[in-house]
Amino acid sequence: MTRADGARTGLALFFTAAGAMHFVAPAYYRQIVPSYLPAPDALVAASGVAEILGGMGLLVARVRPAAGVWLMALLVAIFPANVEMLRLFRARGVPPVAELLLWLRLPLQGVLIWWVWRLSRPNRQRNREVAA
């Protein structure tokens, strides 16, 4: 197993576990769906399924590039929920360390998008970069 394979497997497990948590603790996720969006229960379930499918797709070479695009789009789509989480938890008066972590979570979305992009590209595209 290469380092990229290990990283990809870790990322796949991360997304699969995160998606499963939408069904284990749906109330937690429902509270961070912005109020301007309809059907929070359906959105929580749909985003959970999307994370699980995307995570599993990272493990299948043939669909990996599509799974990467899927997950990058999902990370952009759920960004408002991360902002809502920060807003909601700040209003509840979370400890300063927790608030700092919530602030740091916002740019983490960009890091996750980059990581998905790096690990979901076809091998031949990565090989061209190494040869250049």
N, C-alpha and C. Protein backbone atom coordinates (compact mmCIF):
# COMPACT_ATOMS: atom_id res chain seq x y z
N MET A 1 0.85 -1.18 0.00
CA MET A 1 0.00 0.00 0.00
C MET A 1 0.90 1.24 0.00
N THR A 2 0.61 2.15 -0.91
CA THR A 2 1.38 3.39 -0.98
C THR A 2 0.89 4.38 0.09
N ARG A 3 1.65 5.43 0.28
CA ARG A 3 1.24 6.48 1.21
C ARG A 3 -0.08 7.11 0.76
N ALA A 4 -0.23 7.31 -0.55
CA ALA A 4 -1.48 7.88 -1.08
C ALA A 4 -2.65 6.94 -0.82
N ASP A 5 -2.42 5.62 -0.97
CA ASP A 5 -3.49 4.66 -0.69
C ASP A 5 -3.92 4.73 0.77
N GLY A 6 -2.93 4.83 1.66
CA GLY A 6 -3.25 4.94 3.09
C GLY A 6 -4.01 6.21 3.41
N ALA A 7 -3.58 7.32 2.82
CA ALA A 7 -4.26 8.60 3.04
C ALA A 7 -5.68 8.55 2.48
N ARG A 8 -5.82 7.94 1.31
CA ARG A 8 -7.15 7.83 0.67
C ARG A 8 -8.07 6.97 1.53
N THR A 9 -7.54 5.87 2.06
CA THR A 9 -8.34 5.00 2.92
C THR A 9 -8.76 5.76 4.18
N GLY A 10 -7.84 6.51 4.76
CA GLY A 10 -8.19 7.31 5.93
C GLY A 10 -9.26 8.34 5.64
N LEU A 11 -9.15 8.99 4.49
CA LEU A 11 -10.14 9.99 4.10
C LEU A 11 -11.49 9.33 3.84
N ALA A 12 -11.46 8.16 3.21
CA ALA A 12 -12.71 7.42 2.96
C ALA A 12 -13.37 7.03 4.27
N LEU A 13 -12.59 6.58 5.24
CA LEU A 13 -13.14 6.23 6.55
C LEU A 13 -13.70 7.46 7.26
N PHE A 14 -13.01 8.58 7.13
CA PHE A 14 -13.48 9.83 7.73
C PHE A 14 -14.86 10.20 7.20
N PHE A 15 -15.01 10.21 5.88
CA PHE A 15 -16.29 10.60 5.29
C PHE A 15 -17.38 9.57 5.58
N THR A 16 -17.03 8.29 5.55
CA THR A 16 -18.02 7.25 5.83
C THR A 16 -18.51 7.35 7.28
N ALA A 17 -17.58 7.53 8.21
CA ALA A 17 -17.96 7.66 9.61
C ALA A 17 -18.77 8.94 9.85
N ALA A 18 -18.33 10.04 9.23
CA ALA A 18 -19.07 11.30 9.38
C ALA A 18 -20.49 11.15 8.83
N GLY A 19 -20.62 10.48 7.70
CA GLY A 19 -21.95 10.26 7.14
C GLY A 19 -22.81 9.39 8.03
N ALA A 20 -22.23 8.35 8.60
CA ALA A 20 -22.98 7.47 9.50
C ALA A 20 -23.48 8.23 10.73
N MET A 21 -22.68 9.18 11.20
CA MET A 21 -23.09 9.96 12.37
C MET A 21 -24.37 10.76 12.13
N HIS A 22 -24.68 11.06 10.87
CA HIS A 22 -25.92 11.76 10.56
C HIS A 22 -27.14 10.92 10.94
N PHE A 23 -26.95 9.60 10.99
CA PHE A 23 -28.06 8.69 11.33
C PHE A 23 -28.00 8.27 12.80
N VAL A 24 -26.83 8.34 13.40
CA VAL A 24 -26.68 8.02 14.82
C VAL A 24 -27.17 9.17 15.69
N ALA A 25 -26.85 10.40 15.28
CA ALA A 25 -27.21 11.59 16.07
C ALA A 25 -27.83 12.66 15.17
N PRO A 26 -28.98 12.37 14.55
CA PRO A 26 -29.55 13.33 13.60
C PRO A 26 -29.94 14.67 14.24
N ALA A 27 -30.30 14.67 15.50
CA ALA A 27 -30.70 15.93 16.14
C ALA A 27 -29.54 16.92 16.19
N TYR A 28 -28.33 16.42 16.39
CA TYR A 28 -27.16 17.29 16.41
C TYR A 28 -27.00 17.99 15.07
N TYR A 29 -27.14 17.25 13.99
CA TYR A 29 -26.97 17.82 12.65
C TYR A 29 -28.16 18.69 12.27
N ARG A 30 -29.36 18.30 12.69
CA ARG A 30 -30.55 19.07 12.36
C ARG A 30 -30.45 20.50 12.91
N GLN A 31 -29.86 20.66 14.09
CA GLN A 31 -29.78 22.00 14.70
C GLN A 31 -28.85 22.94 13.94
N ILE A 32 -27.94 22.40 13.12
CA ILE A 32 -27.02 23.29 12.40
C ILE A 32 -27.43 23.51 10.94
N VAL A 33 -28.58 22.96 10.55
CA VAL A 33 -29.11 23.28 9.22
C VAL A 33 -29.63 24.72 9.29
N PRO A 34 -29.12 25.60 8.45
CA PRO A 34 -29.59 27.00 8.49
C PRO A 34 -31.11 27.08 8.36
N SER A 35 -31.71 28.01 9.09
CA SER A 35 -33.17 28.12 9.14
C SER A 35 -33.80 28.48 7.80
N TYR A 36 -33.02 29.05 6.89
CA TYR A 36 -33.58 29.42 5.59
C TYR A 36 -33.67 28.23 4.63
N LEU A 37 -33.18 27.07 5.04
CA LEU A 37 -33.27 25.88 4.20
C LEU A 37 -34.46 25.03 4.64
N PRO A 38 -35.20 24.48 3.68
CA PRO A 38 -36.37 23.66 4.03
C PRO A 38 -35.96 22.23 4.39
N ALA A 39 -36.84 21.52 5.03
CA ALA A 39 -36.73 20.08 5.29
C ALA A 39 -35.40 19.67 5.92
N PRO A 40 -35.11 20.15 7.12
CA PRO A 40 -33.83 19.82 7.74
C PRO A 40 -33.60 18.32 7.91
N ASP A 41 -34.65 17.56 8.24
CA ASP A 41 -34.47 16.11 8.40
C ASP A 41 -34.01 15.47 7.09
N ALA A 42 -34.62 15.87 6.00
CA ALA A 42 -34.24 15.32 4.69
C ALA A 42 -32.83 15.75 4.32
N LEU A 43 -32.46 16.99 4.63
CA LEU A 43 -31.11 17.46 4.31
C LEU A 43 -30.05 16.74 5.13
N VAL A 44 -30.35 16.47 6.39
CA VAL A 44 -29.41 15.73 7.23
C VAL A 44 -29.22 14.32 6.68
N ALA A 45 -30.31 13.65 6.35
CA ALA A 45 -30.21 12.30 5.80
C ALA A 45 -29.49 12.30 4.46
N ALA A 46 -29.84 13.24 3.59
CA ALA A 46 -29.22 13.29 2.26
C ALA A 46 -27.72 13.57 2.35
N SER A 47 -27.33 14.48 3.24
CA SER A 47 -25.90 14.77 3.36
C SER A 47 -25.16 13.59 3.99
N GLY A 48 -25.81 12.86 4.87
CA GLY A 48 -25.20 11.66 5.43
C GLY A 48 -24.97 10.60 4.37
N VAL A 49 -25.98 10.36 3.56
CA VAL A 49 -25.84 9.39 2.46
C VAL A 49 -24.76 9.87 1.49
N ALA A 50 -24.75 11.15 1.19
CA ALA A 50 -23.75 11.70 0.25
C ALA A 50 -22.34 11.49 0.77
N GLU A 51 -22.13 11.68 2.07
CA GLU A 51 -20.80 11.47 2.63
C GLU A 51 -20.40 9.99 2.59
N ILE A 52 -21.34 9.12 2.92
CA ILE A 52 -21.04 7.68 2.89
C ILE A 52 -20.70 7.24 1.48
N LEU A 53 -21.53 7.61 0.50
CA LEU A 53 -21.27 7.22 -0.89
C LEU A 53 -19.97 7.81 -1.40
N GLY A 54 -19.71 9.07 -1.09
CA GLY A 54 -18.47 9.69 -1.52
C GLY A 54 -17.25 9.02 -0.91
N GLY A 55 -17.33 8.72 0.38
CA GLY A 55 -16.23 8.04 1.04
C GLY A 55 -15.96 6.67 0.44
N MET A 56 -17.02 5.91 0.20
CA MET A 56 -16.85 4.60 -0.42
C MET A 56 -16.31 4.73 -1.84
N GLY A 57 -16.77 5.75 -2.55
CA GLY A 57 -16.32 5.96 -3.92
C GLY A 57 -14.84 6.25 -4.03
N LEU A 58 -14.25 6.84 -3.00
CA LEU A 58 -12.81 7.11 -3.01
C LEU A 58 -11.99 5.82 -3.07
N LEU A 59 -12.59 4.72 -2.65
CA LEU A 59 -11.87 3.44 -2.61
C LEU A 59 -11.95 2.66 -3.91
N VAL A 60 -12.78 3.12 -4.84
CA VAL A 60 -12.97 2.41 -6.11
C VAL A 60 -12.34 3.25 -7.22
N ALA A 61 -11.23 2.75 -7.77
CA ALA A 61 -10.44 3.53 -8.73
C ALA A 61 -11.28 4.05 -9.89
N ARG A 62 -12.19 3.24 -10.39
CA ARG A 62 -12.97 3.62 -11.57
C ARG A 62 -13.88 4.82 -11.31
N VAL A 63 -14.39 4.94 -10.11
CA VAL A 63 -15.31 6.04 -9.79
C VAL A 63 -14.66 7.12 -8.92
N ARG A 64 -13.40 6.92 -8.56
CA ARG A 64 -12.71 7.85 -7.65
C ARG A 64 -12.76 9.31 -8.11
N PRO A 65 -12.48 9.62 -9.39
CA PRO A 65 -12.55 11.04 -9.79
C PRO A 65 -13.95 11.63 -9.61
N ALA A 66 -14.98 10.86 -9.95
CA ALA A 66 -16.35 11.35 -9.77
C ALA A 66 -16.68 11.50 -8.28
N ALA A 67 -16.22 10.55 -7.47
CA ALA A 67 -16.44 10.65 -6.02
C ALA A 67 -15.76 11.89 -5.47
N GLY A 68 -14.59 12.21 -6.01
CA GLY A 68 -13.89 13.41 -5.57
C GLY A 68 -14.66 14.68 -5.87
N VAL A 69 -15.18 14.77 -7.08
CA VAL A 69 -16.00 15.94 -7.45
C VAL A 69 -17.23 16.01 -6.56
N TRP A 70 -17.85 14.86 -6.34
CA TRP A 70 -19.03 14.75 -5.48
C TRP A 70 -18.73 15.29 -4.08
N LEU A 71 -17.62 14.83 -3.49
CA LEU A 71 -17.27 15.25 -2.14
C LEU A 71 -16.87 16.72 -2.07
N MET A 72 -16.17 17.21 -3.09
CA MET A 72 -15.80 18.63 -3.09
C MET A 72 -17.05 19.50 -3.17
N ALA A 73 -18.02 19.10 -4.00
CA ALA A 73 -19.28 19.85 -4.08
C ALA A 73 -20.03 19.78 -2.75
N LEU A 74 -20.01 18.61 -2.13
CA LEU A 74 -20.68 18.45 -0.84
C LEU A 74 -20.04 19.36 0.22
N LEU A 75 -18.72 19.42 0.24
CA LEU A 75 -18.03 20.27 1.21
C LEU A 75 -18.39 21.74 1.03
N VAL A 76 -18.57 22.16 -0.20
CA VAL A 76 -19.02 23.54 -0.45
C VAL A 76 -20.47 23.70 0.01
N ALA A 77 -21.30 22.70 -0.30
CA ALA A 77 -22.73 22.79 0.03
C ALA A 77 -22.98 22.82 1.54
N ILE A 78 -22.16 22.13 2.31
CA ILE A 78 -22.41 22.09 3.76
C ILE A 78 -21.71 23.21 4.52
N PHE A 79 -20.97 24.05 3.82
CA PHE A 79 -20.28 25.15 4.50
C PHE A 79 -21.24 26.03 5.31
N PRO A 80 -22.43 26.36 4.79
CA PRO A 80 -23.36 27.16 5.60
C PRO A 80 -23.72 26.49 6.93
N ALA A 81 -23.74 25.17 6.98
CA ALA A 81 -24.01 24.49 8.25
C ALA A 81 -22.86 24.70 9.23
N ASN A 82 -21.64 24.76 8.73
CA ASN A 82 -20.50 25.03 9.62
C ASN A 82 -20.57 26.45 10.18
N VAL A 83 -20.98 27.39 9.35
CA VAL A 83 -21.16 28.77 9.81
C VAL A 83 -22.29 28.82 10.84
N GLU A 84 -23.37 28.10 10.57
CA GLU A 84 -24.50 28.06 11.50
C GLU A 84 -24.08 27.43 12.83
N MET A 85 -23.24 26.40 12.78
CA MET A 85 -22.76 25.78 14.01
C MET A 85 -21.99 26.79 14.86
N LEU A 86 -21.14 27.56 14.23
CA LEU A 86 -20.39 28.59 14.94
C LEU A 86 -21.34 29.62 15.55
N ARG A 87 -22.29 30.09 14.75
CA ARG A 87 -23.24 31.09 15.23
C ARG A 87 -24.05 30.56 16.41
N LEU A 88 -24.56 29.36 16.27
CA LEU A 88 -25.41 28.75 17.30
C LEU A 88 -24.64 28.51 18.60
N PHE A 89 -23.45 27.95 18.48
CA PHE A 89 -22.69 27.62 19.68
C PHE A 89 -22.16 28.88 20.37
N ARG A 90 -21.83 29.91 19.59
CA ARG A 90 -21.41 31.19 20.19
C ARG A 90 -22.57 31.78 20.99
N ALA A 91 -23.78 31.69 20.43
CA ALA A 91 -24.96 32.23 21.13
C ALA A 91 -25.21 31.47 22.44
N ARG A 92 -24.81 30.22 22.47
CA ARG A 92 -24.98 29.42 23.69
C ARG A 92 -23.85 29.66 24.70
N GLY A 93 -22.85 30.43 24.30
CA GLY A 93 -21.76 30.75 25.22
C GLY A 93 -20.77 29.62 25.44
N VAL A 94 -20.33 29.00 24.37
CA VAL A 94 -19.34 27.93 24.51
C VAL A 94 -18.03 28.50 25.06
N PRO A 95 -17.21 27.67 25.69
CA PRO A 95 -15.91 28.14 26.18
C PRO A 95 -15.05 28.68 25.04
N PRO A 96 -14.15 29.60 25.34
CA PRO A 96 -13.31 30.21 24.29
C PRO A 96 -12.55 29.19 23.44
N VAL A 97 -12.06 28.12 24.05
CA VAL A 97 -11.33 27.11 23.28
C VAL A 97 -12.25 26.45 22.25
N ALA A 98 -13.47 26.14 22.66
CA ALA A 98 -14.43 25.53 21.74
C ALA A 98 -14.77 26.50 20.61
N GLU A 99 -14.93 27.77 20.95
CA GLU A 99 -15.21 28.76 19.90
C GLU A 99 -14.05 28.86 18.92
N LEU A 100 -12.84 28.84 19.44
CA LEU A 100 -11.66 28.88 18.57
C LEU A 100 -11.66 27.69 17.61
N LEU A 101 -11.98 26.52 18.11
CA LEU A 101 -12.03 25.33 17.25
C LEU A 101 -13.10 25.47 16.17
N LEU A 102 -14.23 26.06 16.52
CA LEU A 102 -15.28 26.28 15.53
C LEU A 102 -14.83 27.27 14.46
N TRP A 103 -14.09 28.30 14.86
CA TRP A 103 -13.55 29.24 13.87
C TRP A 103 -12.55 28.53 12.96
N LEU A 104 -11.70 27.69 13.55
CA LEU A 104 -10.70 26.97 12.76
C LEU A 104 -11.33 25.96 11.81
N ARG A 105 -12.52 25.51 12.15
CA ARG A 105 -13.22 24.54 11.30
C ARG A 105 -13.58 25.15 9.95
N LEU A 106 -13.82 26.43 9.91
CA LEU A 106 -14.24 27.07 8.65
C LEU A 106 -13.16 26.94 7.57
N PRO A 107 -11.90 27.34 7.81
CA PRO A 107 -10.89 27.15 6.77
C PRO A 107 -10.52 25.68 6.55
N LEU A 108 -10.85 24.82 7.52
CA LEU A 108 -10.59 23.39 7.35
C LEU A 108 -11.35 22.84 6.15
N GLN A 109 -12.50 23.44 5.83
CA GLN A 109 -13.24 22.99 4.64
C GLN A 109 -12.37 23.10 3.40
N GLY A 110 -11.62 24.18 3.28
CA GLY A 110 -10.72 24.34 2.15
C GLY A 110 -9.63 23.29 2.13
N VAL A 111 -9.09 22.96 3.30
CA VAL A 111 -8.07 21.92 3.39
C VAL A 111 -8.66 20.57 2.97
N LEU A 112 -9.87 20.28 3.43
CA LEU A 112 -10.53 19.02 3.05
C LEU A 112 -10.78 18.97 1.54
N ILE A 113 -11.20 20.08 0.95
CA ILE A 113 -11.42 20.11 -0.50
C ILE A 113 -10.11 19.83 -1.22
N TRP A 114 -9.03 20.45 -0.78
CA TRP A 114 -7.72 20.21 -1.40
C TRP A 114 -7.31 18.75 -1.25
N TRP A 115 -7.52 18.20 -0.05
CA TRP A 115 -7.14 16.81 0.20
C TRP A 115 -7.93 15.86 -0.69
N VAL A 116 -9.23 16.07 -0.79
CA VAL A 116 -10.06 15.25 -1.68
C VAL A 116 -9.56 15.37 -3.12
N TRP A 117 -9.28 16.59 -3.56
CA TRP A 117 -8.81 16.80 -4.93
C TRP A 117 -7.52 16.03 -5.18
N ARG A 118 -6.57 16.14 -4.25
CA ARG A 118 -5.27 15.46 -4.42
C ARG A 118 -5.41 13.94 -4.47
N LEU A 119 -6.31 13.40 -3.68
CA LEU A 119 -6.41 11.95 -3.56
C LEU A 119 -7.41 11.32 -4.51
N SER A 120 -8.16 12.12 -5.23
CA SER A 120 -9.18 11.55 -6.12
C SER A 120 -8.83 11.68 -7.60
N ARG A 121 -7.72 12.36 -7.90
CA ARG A 121 -7.34 12.51 -9.30
C ARG A 121 -6.86 11.17 -9.87
N PRO A 122 -7.03 10.96 -11.16
CA PRO A 122 -6.52 9.73 -11.77
C PRO A 122 -5.00 9.65 -11.61
N ASN A 123 -4.47 8.43 -11.49
CA ASN A 123 -3.03 8.22 -11.30
C ASN A 123 -2.21 8.87 -12.39
N ARG A 124 -2.66 8.80 -13.64
CA ARG A 124 -1.86 9.35 -14.74
C ARG A 124 -1.67 10.85 -14.59
N GLN A 125 -2.65 11.54 -14.03
CA GLN A 125 -2.52 12.99 -13.82
C GLN A 125 -1.47 13.27 -12.75
N ARG A 126 -1.46 12.50 -11.66
CA ARG A 126 -0.45 12.68 -10.62
C ARG A 126 0.93 12.33 -11.15
N ASN A 127 1.02 11.28 -11.98
CA ASN A 127 2.31 10.86 -12.52
C ASN A 127 2.92 11.93 -13.41
N ARG A 128 2.10 12.65 -14.18
CA ARG A 128 2.60 13.73 -15.03
C ARG A 128 3.24 14.82 -14.18
N GLU A 129 2.64 15.13 -13.04
CA GLU A 129 3.19 16.16 -12.17
C GLU A 129 4.54 15.73 -11.60
N VAL A 130 4.68 14.46 -11.25
CA VAL A 130 5.93 13.96 -10.69
C VAL A 130 7.02 14.01 -11.74
N ALA A 131 6.69 13.67 -12.99
CA ALA A 131 7.67 13.65 -14.07
C ALA A 131 8.12 15.05 -14.48
N ALA A 132 7.28 16.04 -14.28
CA ALA A 132 7.60 17.41 -14.72
C ALA A 132 8.65 18.06 -13.86
